[in-house]
Amino acid sequence: MCLHRVVPVLFVCLGLSACGLTESASTAATVAAAQAKQAEQAKQQEAQIRAQLDAANAQAEQRLKAADEAAK
């Protein structure tokens, strides 16, 4: 086969494989960004739940104190 025909085919193959690598890297970056966003949302949700639990505990404590004083 003539070298003039093989070289352009090789360049096309290399170019297409590079596109695939770029797409894979782009997809990986997108997935990483989505996971980072999920992690941040999970931290925010955890903080909200902790605040709700603290409020519920404080309310229960107040009720116990009120019940103790009413029993005296």
Foldseek 3Di string as FASTA:
>chain_A
DDPVVVVVVVVVVVVVVVVVVVVVVVVVVVVVVVVVVVVVVVVVVVVVVVVVVVVVVVVVVVVVVVVVVVVD
